[in-house]
Amino acid sequence: MTFEPKQKNRVPEVTILALFIAAGVAFAFSALDGLSGKGMLQFAAMALFCAMVFVAVRYKFTPFKYTVRVGAAPKKSLHHEDDEDEEEEEVPLTPDGKEPPVTMFPPKKLVFVVERRQGNSKWNMECLVRLSDIHSCFILPEDKDALNIALKENRKAPVYKYFKNMVAPDQTVLIADTMTGKAVVYIETDRKMSEYLKSVASYNNGK
């Protein structure tokens, strides 16, 4: 199950153009003779130019990809007798003998992965969460009130946002355990994937 968000508006282009014009104006005024504060204008122009480059790289040339897939099996404990009690759950093949969709696998076998790349470079993993470690999943804007309550309860957890769009009204928020502790992960909403992740969170809380 994979979703790659696409740019839905022209906010990055408008922002880049506005920053470029502002930087140009600041540079032009800094070149005028007899004008005080030239150093501050040059500094402001450089800051605006750097912001323009950041927006261009981050929102125009950096795509993201979200994937739910079968993860690597967790390492067995040193106490092998503990592992003997766990039986492997077999997932039946489809009638045509092919591997079933990931939604047929138990959550403990699956991971949610966020990858990104710049330009035509290879995909690099930014975030990995085991589905069995997801505590909550909120789909905005309908779950806004419930999310606000959860964020207050997890105010010390780091927040990560993986958006293709500068303005993304449809967002999905995961609160999950990661290798570095509990974290809040924002992604853009794909209805099929988001509703599946929400059902997984409900399943985890019902165990």
N, C-alpha and C. Protein backbone atom coordinates (compact mmCIF):
# COMPACT_ATOMS: atom_id res chain seq x y z
N MET A 1 0.86 -1.18 0.00
CA MET A 1 0.00 0.00 0.00
C MET A 1 0.91 1.25 0.00
N THR A 2 0.85 2.01 -1.07
CA THR A 2 1.74 3.15 -1.23
C THR A 2 0.97 4.38 -1.67
N PHE A 3 1.38 5.53 -1.15
CA PHE A 3 0.78 6.80 -1.55
C PHE A 3 1.89 7.85 -1.66
N GLU A 4 1.94 8.53 -2.79
CA GLU A 4 2.91 9.60 -3.00
C GLU A 4 2.13 10.90 -3.22
N PRO A 5 2.10 11.80 -2.22
CA PRO A 5 1.33 13.04 -2.36
C PRO A 5 1.87 13.92 -3.49
N LYS A 6 0.95 14.57 -4.18
CA LYS A 6 1.31 15.46 -5.28
C LYS A 6 1.03 16.91 -4.87
N GLN A 7 1.70 17.83 -5.54
CA GLN A 7 1.46 19.24 -5.27
C GLN A 7 0.07 19.61 -5.76
N LYS A 8 -0.74 20.21 -4.86
CA LYS A 8 -2.13 20.49 -5.17
C LYS A 8 -2.41 21.96 -5.42
N ASN A 9 -1.44 22.83 -5.17
CA ASN A 9 -1.67 24.27 -5.34
C ASN A 9 -0.37 24.95 -5.76
N ARG A 10 -0.44 26.25 -5.98
CA ARG A 10 0.72 27.01 -6.45
C ARG A 10 1.34 27.85 -5.35
N VAL A 11 1.10 27.47 -4.10
CA VAL A 11 1.66 28.23 -2.98
C VAL A 11 3.18 28.28 -3.02
N PRO A 12 3.89 27.16 -3.31
CA PRO A 12 5.36 27.26 -3.38
C PRO A 12 5.85 28.24 -4.43
N GLU A 13 5.23 28.22 -5.64
CA GLU A 13 5.66 29.13 -6.69
C GLU A 13 5.44 30.58 -6.29
N VAL A 14 4.29 30.87 -5.69
CA VAL A 14 3.98 32.24 -5.27
C VAL A 14 4.96 32.68 -4.18
N THR A 15 5.25 31.78 -3.24
CA THR A 15 6.17 32.12 -2.17
C THR A 15 7.58 32.36 -2.70
N ILE A 16 8.03 31.50 -3.61
CA ILE A 16 9.36 31.67 -4.21
C ILE A 16 9.45 33.00 -4.95
N LEU A 17 8.42 33.35 -5.73
CA LEU A 17 8.43 34.60 -6.47
C LEU A 17 8.45 35.80 -5.53
N ALA A 18 7.65 35.75 -4.47
CA ALA A 18 7.60 36.86 -3.51
C ALA A 18 8.95 37.04 -2.81
N LEU A 19 9.58 35.94 -2.42
CA LEU A 19 10.88 36.03 -1.76
C LEU A 19 11.95 36.55 -2.72
N PHE A 20 11.87 36.13 -3.98
CA PHE A 20 12.83 36.61 -4.99
C PHE A 20 12.71 38.11 -5.20
N ILE A 21 11.48 38.60 -5.31
CA ILE A 21 11.25 40.03 -5.50
C ILE A 21 11.73 40.81 -4.28
N ALA A 22 11.39 40.31 -3.08
CA ALA A 22 11.80 41.01 -1.86
C ALA A 22 13.33 41.06 -1.74
N ALA A 23 13.99 39.95 -2.08
CA ALA A 23 15.45 39.92 -2.02
C ALA A 23 16.05 40.90 -3.04
N GLY A 24 15.46 40.95 -4.24
CA GLY A 24 15.95 41.87 -5.26
C GLY A 24 15.80 43.32 -4.84
N VAL A 25 14.67 43.65 -4.24
CA VAL A 25 14.44 45.02 -3.78
C VAL A 25 15.44 45.40 -2.69
N ALA A 26 15.68 44.47 -1.76
CA ALA A 26 16.64 44.74 -0.69
C ALA A 26 18.04 44.96 -1.24
N PHE A 27 18.46 44.14 -2.20
CA PHE A 27 19.78 44.31 -2.82
C PHE A 27 19.86 45.65 -3.55
N ALA A 28 18.79 46.02 -4.24
CA ALA A 28 18.80 47.27 -5.01
C ALA A 28 18.94 48.47 -4.09
N PHE A 29 18.20 48.48 -2.99
CA PHE A 29 18.30 49.61 -2.06
C PHE A 29 19.66 49.65 -1.36
N SER A 30 20.25 48.47 -1.14
CA SER A 30 21.56 48.45 -0.47
C SER A 30 22.66 49.02 -1.35
N ALA A 31 22.40 49.13 -2.66
CA ALA A 31 23.40 49.67 -3.59
C ALA A 31 23.29 51.18 -3.75
N LEU A 32 22.26 51.80 -3.19
CA LEU A 32 22.08 53.24 -3.31
C LEU A 32 23.12 53.99 -2.48
N ASP A 33 23.66 55.03 -3.03
CA ASP A 33 24.63 55.84 -2.31
C ASP A 33 23.93 56.71 -1.27
N GLY A 34 24.60 56.89 -0.16
CA GLY A 34 24.08 57.78 0.88
C GLY A 34 22.98 57.18 1.72
N LEU A 35 22.63 55.92 1.50
CA LEU A 35 21.57 55.28 2.28
C LEU A 35 22.18 54.57 3.48
N SER A 36 21.67 54.88 4.67
CA SER A 36 22.18 54.23 5.88
C SER A 36 21.58 52.83 6.01
N GLY A 37 22.27 51.99 6.76
CA GLY A 37 21.76 50.64 7.01
C GLY A 37 21.96 49.71 5.84
N LYS A 38 22.98 49.94 5.01
CA LYS A 38 23.22 49.08 3.86
C LYS A 38 23.52 47.64 4.29
N GLY A 39 24.27 47.51 5.38
CA GLY A 39 24.62 46.17 5.87
C GLY A 39 23.40 45.36 6.25
N MET A 40 22.45 46.03 6.91
CA MET A 40 21.22 45.33 7.30
C MET A 40 20.41 44.93 6.08
N LEU A 41 20.37 45.79 5.06
CA LEU A 41 19.64 45.45 3.85
C LEU A 41 20.28 44.27 3.12
N GLN A 42 21.61 44.26 3.08
CA GLN A 42 22.29 43.14 2.43
C GLN A 42 22.06 41.84 3.19
N PHE A 43 22.07 41.94 4.53
CA PHE A 43 21.79 40.75 5.34
C PHE A 43 20.37 40.26 5.10
N ALA A 44 19.42 41.18 5.05
CA ALA A 44 18.02 40.80 4.82
C ALA A 44 17.87 40.17 3.44
N ALA A 45 18.56 40.73 2.44
CA ALA A 45 18.47 40.17 1.09
C ALA A 45 19.01 38.75 1.05
N MET A 46 20.13 38.50 1.73
CA MET A 46 20.70 37.16 1.77
C MET A 46 19.78 36.19 2.48
N ALA A 47 19.17 36.66 3.59
CA ALA A 47 18.24 35.80 4.33
C ALA A 47 17.04 35.44 3.47
N LEU A 48 16.50 36.41 2.74
CA LEU A 48 15.36 36.15 1.86
C LEU A 48 15.74 35.20 0.73
N PHE A 49 16.94 35.37 0.20
CA PHE A 49 17.40 34.49 -0.87
C PHE A 49 17.54 33.05 -0.37
N CYS A 50 18.11 32.89 0.83
CA CYS A 50 18.24 31.55 1.42
C CYS A 50 16.88 30.91 1.66
N ALA A 51 15.92 31.73 2.12
CA ALA A 51 14.56 31.22 2.33
C ALA A 51 13.94 30.77 1.02
N MET A 52 14.21 31.53 -0.06
CA MET A 52 13.69 31.17 -1.38
C MET A 52 14.25 29.82 -1.83
N VAL A 53 15.56 29.63 -1.63
CA VAL A 53 16.19 28.36 -2.01
C VAL A 53 15.61 27.22 -1.18
N PHE A 54 15.42 27.45 0.12
CA PHE A 54 14.86 26.41 0.99
C PHE A 54 13.48 25.97 0.51
N VAL A 55 12.61 26.94 0.22
CA VAL A 55 11.25 26.62 -0.22
C VAL A 55 11.29 25.85 -1.54
N ALA A 56 12.16 26.28 -2.45
CA ALA A 56 12.26 25.61 -3.74
C ALA A 56 12.70 24.16 -3.59
N VAL A 57 13.74 23.94 -2.78
CA VAL A 57 14.25 22.58 -2.60
C VAL A 57 13.26 21.72 -1.83
N ARG A 58 12.69 22.29 -0.76
CA ARG A 58 11.82 21.51 0.13
C ARG A 58 10.48 21.15 -0.50
N TYR A 59 9.88 22.09 -1.21
CA TYR A 59 8.51 21.86 -1.68
C TYR A 59 8.39 21.64 -3.20
N LYS A 60 9.44 21.95 -3.97
CA LYS A 60 9.37 21.73 -5.42
C LYS A 60 10.17 20.51 -5.86
N PHE A 61 11.28 20.25 -5.20
CA PHE A 61 12.19 19.20 -5.66
C PHE A 61 12.35 18.06 -4.66
N THR A 62 11.47 17.98 -3.65
CA THR A 62 11.58 16.92 -2.65
C THR A 62 10.26 16.19 -2.52
N PRO A 63 10.05 15.12 -3.26
CA PRO A 63 8.82 14.33 -3.10
C PRO A 63 8.91 13.38 -1.90
N PHE A 64 7.74 13.01 -1.37
CA PHE A 64 7.63 12.05 -0.28
C PHE A 64 6.82 10.84 -0.76
N LYS A 65 7.04 9.73 -0.11
CA LYS A 65 6.28 8.52 -0.41
C LYS A 65 5.99 7.81 0.91
N TYR A 66 4.72 7.45 1.12
CA TYR A 66 4.31 6.70 2.31
C TYR A 66 3.96 5.27 1.90
N THR A 67 4.45 4.31 2.67
CA THR A 67 4.23 2.91 2.32
C THR A 67 3.91 2.09 3.56
N VAL A 68 2.89 1.25 3.45
CA VAL A 68 2.64 0.21 4.45
C VAL A 68 3.10 -1.10 3.83
N ARG A 69 4.05 -1.77 4.45
CA ARG A 69 4.61 -2.98 3.87
C ARG A 69 4.99 -3.96 4.95
N VAL A 70 5.27 -5.18 4.52
CA VAL A 70 5.72 -6.21 5.47
C VAL A 70 7.12 -5.83 5.93
N GLY A 71 7.32 -5.82 7.24
CA GLY A 71 8.61 -5.42 7.79
C GLY A 71 9.49 -6.62 8.07
N ALA A 72 10.75 -6.34 8.34
CA ALA A 72 11.68 -7.39 8.71
C ALA A 72 11.26 -7.99 10.03
N ALA A 73 11.41 -9.28 10.17
CA ALA A 73 11.03 -9.96 11.41
C ALA A 73 11.89 -9.45 12.55
N PRO A 74 11.29 -9.13 13.71
CA PRO A 74 12.08 -8.67 14.85
C PRO A 74 13.03 -9.76 15.33
N LYS A 75 14.16 -9.31 15.85
CA LYS A 75 15.15 -10.27 16.33
C LYS A 75 14.59 -11.05 17.52
N LYS A 76 14.93 -12.33 17.56
CA LYS A 76 14.48 -13.15 18.67
C LYS A 76 15.24 -12.78 19.94
N SER A 77 14.59 -12.98 21.07
CA SER A 77 15.22 -12.66 22.33
C SER A 77 16.32 -13.66 22.63
N LEU A 78 17.19 -13.29 23.55
CA LEU A 78 18.25 -14.20 23.96
C LEU A 78 17.69 -15.40 24.71
N HIS A 79 16.52 -15.21 25.31
CA HIS A 79 15.86 -16.31 26.02
C HIS A 79 14.97 -17.03 25.02
N HIS A 80 15.50 -18.03 24.36
CA HIS A 80 14.79 -18.69 23.27
C HIS A 80 13.51 -19.36 23.72
N GLU A 81 13.44 -19.69 25.02
CA GLU A 81 12.22 -20.34 25.47
C GLU A 81 11.04 -19.38 25.39
N ASP A 82 11.31 -18.04 25.43
CA ASP A 82 10.23 -17.08 25.31
C ASP A 82 9.64 -17.08 23.92
N ASP A 83 10.47 -17.41 22.93
CA ASP A 83 10.01 -17.39 21.54
C ASP A 83 9.23 -18.63 21.16
N GLU A 84 9.41 -19.70 21.92
CA GLU A 84 8.73 -20.94 21.57
C GLU A 84 7.24 -20.83 21.73
N ASP A 85 6.81 -19.87 22.61
CA ASP A 85 5.39 -19.73 22.84
C ASP A 85 4.68 -18.97 21.71
N GLU A 86 5.47 -18.25 20.90
CA GLU A 86 4.88 -17.47 19.82
C GLU A 86 4.82 -18.29 18.55
N GLU A 87 3.63 -18.48 18.04
CA GLU A 87 3.45 -19.23 16.82
C GLU A 87 3.36 -18.28 15.64
N GLU A 88 3.94 -18.65 14.54
CA GLU A 88 3.88 -17.85 13.33
C GLU A 88 2.47 -17.92 12.74
N GLU A 89 1.91 -16.76 12.46
CA GLU A 89 0.59 -16.71 11.84
C GLU A 89 0.75 -16.82 10.34
N GLU A 90 0.13 -17.80 9.76
CA GLU A 90 0.22 -17.99 8.32
C GLU A 90 -0.84 -17.15 7.62
N VAL A 91 -0.42 -16.46 6.58
CA VAL A 91 -1.34 -15.66 5.77
C VAL A 91 -1.61 -16.42 4.48
N PRO A 92 -2.85 -16.81 4.24
CA PRO A 92 -3.16 -17.62 3.04
C PRO A 92 -2.92 -16.84 1.76
N LEU A 93 -2.53 -17.57 0.72
CA LEU A 93 -2.36 -16.96 -0.59
C LEU A 93 -3.72 -16.72 -1.22
N THR A 94 -3.77 -15.84 -2.19
CA THR A 94 -5.01 -15.58 -2.91
C THR A 94 -5.30 -16.78 -3.82
N PRO A 95 -6.53 -16.91 -4.32
CA PRO A 95 -6.87 -18.07 -5.17
C PRO A 95 -5.94 -18.26 -6.37
N ASP A 96 -5.35 -17.17 -6.88
CA ASP A 96 -4.46 -17.32 -8.02
C ASP A 96 -3.01 -17.58 -7.61
N GLY A 97 -2.80 -17.81 -6.30
CA GLY A 97 -1.46 -18.17 -5.82
C GLY A 97 -0.54 -17.00 -5.55
N LYS A 98 -1.05 -15.77 -5.63
CA LYS A 98 -0.22 -14.60 -5.40
C LYS A 98 -0.25 -14.19 -3.94
N GLU A 99 0.75 -13.37 -3.55
CA GLU A 99 0.79 -12.88 -2.18
C GLU A 99 -0.38 -11.95 -1.93
N PRO A 100 -1.04 -12.05 -0.79
CA PRO A 100 -2.23 -11.23 -0.52
C PRO A 100 -1.85 -9.77 -0.27
N PRO A 101 -2.82 -8.86 -0.31
CA PRO A 101 -2.54 -7.45 0.02
C PRO A 101 -2.10 -7.32 1.47
N VAL A 102 -1.39 -6.24 1.78
CA VAL A 102 -0.84 -6.08 3.13
C VAL A 102 -1.92 -6.02 4.19
N THR A 103 -3.13 -5.61 3.81
CA THR A 103 -4.20 -5.50 4.80
C THR A 103 -4.61 -6.86 5.35
N MET A 104 -4.18 -7.95 4.72
CA MET A 104 -4.50 -9.29 5.21
C MET A 104 -3.47 -9.78 6.23
N PHE A 105 -2.37 -9.04 6.38
CA PHE A 105 -1.35 -9.42 7.36
C PHE A 105 -1.69 -8.82 8.72
N PRO A 106 -1.33 -9.49 9.81
CA PRO A 106 -1.54 -8.89 11.13
C PRO A 106 -0.65 -7.66 11.29
N PRO A 107 -1.11 -6.63 12.03
CA PRO A 107 -0.33 -5.39 12.17
C PRO A 107 1.09 -5.60 12.68
N LYS A 108 1.31 -6.62 13.51
CA LYS A 108 2.65 -6.80 14.07
C LYS A 108 3.68 -7.19 13.01
N LYS A 109 3.22 -7.58 11.83
CA LYS A 109 4.13 -7.94 10.75
C LYS A 109 4.39 -6.77 9.79
N LEU A 110 3.70 -5.65 10.00
CA LEU A 110 3.75 -4.55 9.04
C LEU A 110 4.43 -3.32 9.63
N VAL A 111 4.97 -2.50 8.74
CA VAL A 111 5.57 -1.22 9.13
C VAL A 111 5.03 -0.12 8.22
N PHE A 112 5.02 1.09 8.77
CA PHE A 112 4.70 2.28 7.99
C PHE A 112 5.99 3.04 7.76
N VAL A 113 6.30 3.32 6.50
CA VAL A 113 7.58 3.93 6.14
C VAL A 113 7.34 5.22 5.36
N VAL A 114 8.08 6.26 5.75
CA VAL A 114 8.09 7.51 4.99
C VAL A 114 9.46 7.62 4.32
N GLU A 115 9.44 7.81 3.00
CA GLU A 115 10.68 7.99 2.25
C GLU A 115 10.63 9.31 1.49
N ARG A 116 11.80 9.86 1.23
CA ARG A 116 11.85 11.07 0.42
C ARG A 116 13.10 11.05 -0.45
N ARG A 117 13.09 11.86 -1.47
CA ARG A 117 14.25 11.99 -2.33
C ARG A 117 14.30 13.40 -2.89
N GLN A 118 15.45 13.80 -3.37
CA GLN A 118 15.61 15.11 -3.99
C GLN A 118 15.92 14.92 -5.46
N GLY A 119 15.10 15.53 -6.30
CA GLY A 119 15.28 15.37 -7.73
C GLY A 119 15.08 13.94 -8.16
N ASN A 120 16.05 13.40 -8.90
CA ASN A 120 15.97 12.02 -9.39
C ASN A 120 16.86 11.07 -8.60
N SER A 121 17.27 11.49 -7.41
CA SER A 121 18.10 10.62 -6.58
C SER A 121 17.27 9.46 -6.04
N LYS A 122 17.92 8.52 -5.38
CA LYS A 122 17.20 7.36 -4.86
C LYS A 122 16.40 7.74 -3.62
N TRP A 123 15.40 6.93 -3.32
CA TRP A 123 14.57 7.16 -2.15
C TRP A 123 15.36 6.85 -0.89
N ASN A 124 15.22 7.71 0.12
CA ASN A 124 15.86 7.51 1.42
C ASN A 124 14.79 7.47 2.51
N MET A 125 14.93 6.54 3.43
CA MET A 125 13.94 6.39 4.49
C MET A 125 14.09 7.49 5.52
N GLU A 126 12.98 8.16 5.84
CA GLU A 126 12.96 9.23 6.83
C GLU A 126 12.34 8.78 8.14
N CYS A 127 11.41 7.85 8.06
CA CYS A 127 10.66 7.46 9.26
C CYS A 127 10.18 6.02 9.10
N LEU A 128 10.25 5.26 10.17
CA LEU A 128 9.74 3.89 10.18
C LEU A 128 9.00 3.65 11.49
N VAL A 129 7.76 3.22 11.38
CA VAL A 129 6.93 2.94 12.56
C VAL A 129 6.30 1.57 12.39
N ARG A 130 6.46 0.71 13.35
CA ARG A 130 5.76 -0.58 13.32
C ARG A 130 4.27 -0.33 13.61
N LEU A 131 3.43 -0.96 12.82
CA LEU A 131 2.00 -0.72 12.99
C LEU A 131 1.52 -1.12 14.37
N SER A 132 2.16 -2.10 14.97
CA SER A 132 1.76 -2.52 16.32
C SER A 132 2.13 -1.48 17.37
N ASP A 133 2.95 -0.46 16.99
CA ASP A 133 3.37 0.59 17.93
C ASP A 133 2.57 1.87 17.77
N ILE A 134 1.55 1.87 16.92
CA ILE A 134 0.72 3.06 16.73
C ILE A 134 -0.32 3.14 17.83
N HIS A 135 -0.31 4.24 18.60
CA HIS A 135 -1.27 4.43 19.68
C HIS A 135 -2.55 5.10 19.19
N SER A 136 -2.38 6.11 18.32
CA SER A 136 -3.53 6.89 17.87
C SER A 136 -3.32 7.32 16.42
N CYS A 137 -4.44 7.51 15.73
CA CYS A 137 -4.41 8.02 14.37
C CYS A 137 -5.58 8.99 14.21
N PHE A 138 -5.27 10.21 13.78
CA PHE A 138 -6.30 11.24 13.63
C PHE A 138 -6.31 11.74 12.18
N ILE A 139 -7.50 11.85 11.61
CA ILE A 139 -7.65 12.35 10.25
C ILE A 139 -8.27 13.74 10.34
N LEU A 140 -7.54 14.74 9.85
CA LEU A 140 -8.02 16.12 9.92
C LEU A 140 -8.75 16.48 8.63
N PRO A 141 -9.76 17.35 8.73
CA PRO A 141 -10.12 18.15 9.91
C PRO A 141 -11.13 17.50 10.86
N GLU A 142 -11.68 16.34 10.54
CA GLU A 142 -12.77 15.81 11.36
C GLU A 142 -12.36 15.42 12.77
N ASP A 143 -11.10 15.06 12.97
CA ASP A 143 -10.64 14.64 14.30
C ASP A 143 -9.85 15.73 15.02
N LYS A 144 -10.07 16.99 14.64
CA LYS A 144 -9.26 18.09 15.17
C LYS A 144 -9.35 18.19 16.69
N ASP A 145 -10.56 18.10 17.24
CA ASP A 145 -10.73 18.25 18.69
C ASP A 145 -10.03 17.12 19.45
N ALA A 146 -10.19 15.89 18.96
CA ALA A 146 -9.53 14.75 19.62
C ALA A 146 -8.02 14.87 19.51
N LEU A 147 -7.52 15.38 18.39
CA LEU A 147 -6.08 15.55 18.23
C LEU A 147 -5.54 16.58 19.21
N ASN A 148 -6.25 17.69 19.40
CA ASN A 148 -5.79 18.72 20.33
C ASN A 148 -5.63 18.16 21.74
N ILE A 149 -6.56 17.29 22.13
CA ILE A 149 -6.46 16.67 23.46
C ILE A 149 -5.24 15.76 23.52
N ALA A 150 -5.04 14.97 22.47
CA ALA A 150 -3.91 14.04 22.45
C ALA A 150 -2.58 14.78 22.44
N LEU A 151 -2.51 15.91 21.72
CA LEU A 151 -1.26 16.68 21.67
C LEU A 151 -0.92 17.26 23.04
N LYS A 152 -1.93 17.66 23.80
CA LYS A 152 -1.68 18.17 25.15
C LYS A 152 -1.12 17.07 26.04
N GLU A 153 -1.62 15.85 25.83
CA GLU A 153 -1.14 14.72 26.63
C GLU A 153 0.25 14.27 26.22
N ASN A 154 0.67 14.62 25.00
CA ASN A 154 1.98 14.20 24.49
C ASN A 154 2.80 15.42 24.07
N ARG A 155 2.73 16.48 24.85
CA ARG A 155 3.39 17.74 24.47
C ARG A 155 4.91 17.63 24.42
N LYS A 156 5.47 16.64 25.11
CA LYS A 156 6.93 16.49 25.10
C LYS A 156 7.43 15.63 23.94
N ALA A 157 6.52 15.01 23.22
CA ALA A 157 6.92 14.14 22.11
C ALA A 157 7.36 14.99 20.91
N PRO A 158 8.45 14.61 20.24
CA PRO A 158 8.88 15.37 19.05
C PRO A 158 7.85 15.24 17.93
N VAL A 159 7.78 16.28 17.09
CA VAL A 159 6.82 16.34 16.00
C VAL A 159 7.55 16.32 14.67
N TYR A 160 7.10 15.46 13.75
CA TYR A 160 7.70 15.35 12.42
C TYR A 160 6.60 15.54 11.38
N LYS A 161 6.88 16.39 10.38
CA LYS A 161 5.90 16.67 9.33
C LYS A 161 6.51 16.33 7.97
N TYR A 162 5.82 15.46 7.24
CA TYR A 162 6.29 15.02 5.93
C TYR A 162 5.26 15.40 4.87
N PHE A 163 5.29 16.68 4.48
CA PHE A 163 4.32 17.21 3.53
C PHE A 163 4.98 17.55 2.20
N LYS A 164 4.28 17.31 1.12
CA LYS A 164 4.70 17.79 -0.19
C LYS A 164 4.18 19.21 -0.41
N ASN A 165 3.01 19.52 0.17
CA ASN A 165 2.38 20.82 -0.01
C ASN A 165 2.64 21.73 1.18
N MET A 166 2.92 23.02 0.91
CA MET A 166 3.10 23.98 2.01
C MET A 166 1.80 24.16 2.78
N VAL A 167 0.68 24.13 2.06
CA VAL A 167 -0.65 24.21 2.68
C VAL A 167 -1.34 22.88 2.44
N ALA A 168 -1.50 22.10 3.50
CA ALA A 168 -2.10 20.76 3.39
C ALA A 168 -3.25 20.64 4.38
N PRO A 169 -4.45 21.03 3.97
CA PRO A 169 -5.59 20.99 4.90
C PRO A 169 -5.99 19.58 5.31
N ASP A 170 -5.79 18.61 4.42
CA ASP A 170 -6.15 17.22 4.72
C ASP A 170 -4.91 16.50 5.24
N GLN A 171 -4.86 16.30 6.55
CA GLN A 171 -3.69 15.72 7.19
C GLN A 171 -4.08 14.52 8.04
N THR A 172 -3.14 13.60 8.19
CA THR A 172 -3.30 12.47 9.09
C THR A 172 -2.17 12.51 10.09
N VAL A 173 -2.49 12.31 11.34
CA VAL A 173 -1.50 12.43 12.42
C VAL A 173 -1.42 11.10 13.17
N LEU A 174 -0.21 10.57 13.26
CA LEU A 174 0.04 9.35 14.01
C LEU A 174 0.77 9.67 15.30
N ILE A 175 0.37 9.06 16.38
CA ILE A 175 1.12 9.10 17.63
C ILE A 175 1.57 7.67 17.89
N ALA A 176 2.88 7.46 17.87
CA ALA A 176 3.39 6.09 17.91
C ALA A 176 4.73 6.02 18.63
N ASP A 177 5.08 4.82 19.05
CA ASP A 177 6.40 4.57 19.60
C ASP A 177 7.38 4.38 18.45
N THR A 178 8.56 4.98 18.57
CA THR A 178 9.62 4.80 17.59
C THR A 178 10.88 4.35 18.31
N MET A 179 11.96 4.16 17.55
CA MET A 179 13.21 3.74 18.16
C MET A 179 13.77 4.78 19.12
N THR A 180 13.35 6.03 18.97
CA THR A 180 13.83 7.10 19.85
C THR A 180 12.78 7.55 20.86
N GLY A 181 11.69 6.80 20.97
CA GLY A 181 10.62 7.16 21.90
C GLY A 181 9.34 7.53 21.17
N LYS A 182 8.35 7.96 21.95
CA LYS A 182 7.06 8.32 21.35
C LYS A 182 7.21 9.58 20.50
N ALA A 183 6.54 9.60 19.35
CA ALA A 183 6.64 10.72 18.41
C ALA A 183 5.29 10.99 17.78
N VAL A 184 5.14 12.23 17.28
CA VAL A 184 3.94 12.65 16.56
C VAL A 184 4.34 12.85 15.10
N VAL A 185 3.68 12.12 14.20
CA VAL A 185 4.04 12.12 12.79
C VAL A 185 2.87 12.64 11.96
N TYR A 186 3.12 13.72 11.21
CA TYR A 186 2.12 14.30 10.32
C TYR A 186 2.40 13.88 8.88
N ILE A 187 1.36 13.44 8.18
CA ILE A 187 1.46 13.13 6.76
C ILE A 187 0.23 13.70 6.06
N GLU A 188 0.30 13.77 4.73
CA GLU A 188 -0.87 14.18 3.98
C GLU A 188 -1.82 12.99 3.83
N THR A 189 -3.10 13.28 3.82
CA THR A 189 -4.10 12.23 3.89
C THR A 189 -4.36 11.57 2.54
N ASP A 190 -4.22 10.26 2.54
CA ASP A 190 -4.77 9.40 1.49
C ASP A 190 -5.88 8.61 2.17
N ARG A 191 -7.10 8.79 1.75
CA ARG A 191 -8.24 8.27 2.51
C ARG A 191 -8.13 6.77 2.78
N LYS A 192 -7.74 5.99 1.78
CA LYS A 192 -7.65 4.54 1.97
C LYS A 192 -6.60 4.18 3.01
N MET A 193 -5.40 4.74 2.88
CA MET A 193 -4.32 4.44 3.82
C MET A 193 -4.63 4.98 5.21
N SER A 194 -5.16 6.20 5.27
CA SER A 194 -5.41 6.83 6.56
C SER A 194 -6.49 6.08 7.35
N GLU A 195 -7.54 5.67 6.68
CA GLU A 195 -8.59 4.92 7.38
C GLU A 195 -8.08 3.56 7.83
N TYR A 196 -7.18 2.96 7.04
CA TYR A 196 -6.59 1.69 7.46
C TYR A 196 -5.73 1.89 8.70
N LEU A 197 -4.89 2.93 8.71
CA LEU A 197 -4.04 3.20 9.88
C LEU A 197 -4.89 3.51 11.12
N LYS A 198 -6.01 4.19 10.90
CA LYS A 198 -6.90 4.48 12.03
C LYS A 198 -7.52 3.20 12.58
N SER A 199 -7.86 2.29 11.71
CA SER A 199 -8.42 1.01 12.17
C SER A 199 -7.36 0.20 12.92
N VAL A 200 -6.10 0.31 12.48
CA VAL A 200 -5.01 -0.39 13.17
C VAL A 200 -4.83 0.18 14.57
N ALA A 201 -4.88 1.52 14.70
CA ALA A 201 -4.75 2.15 16.02
C ALA A 201 -5.88 1.70 16.94
N SER A 202 -7.10 1.61 16.41
CA SER A 202 -8.22 1.15 17.22
C SER A 202 -8.02 -0.30 17.64
N TYR A 203 -7.49 -1.13 16.73
CA TYR A 203 -7.21 -2.52 17.05
C TYR A 203 -6.16 -2.62 18.15
N ASN A 204 -5.10 -1.81 18.06
CA ASN A 204 -4.05 -1.84 19.09
C ASN A 204 -4.58 -1.43 20.44
N ASN A 205 -5.47 -0.44 20.48
CA ASN A 205 -6.02 0.01 21.75
C ASN A 205 -7.04 -0.96 22.32
N GLY A 206 -7.57 -1.84 21.46
CA GLY A 206 -8.56 -2.80 21.93
C GLY A 206 -7.98 -4.10 22.42
N LYS A 207 -6.64 -4.25 22.27
CA LYS A 207 -6.02 -5.51 22.68
C LYS A 207 -5.99 -5.63 24.18
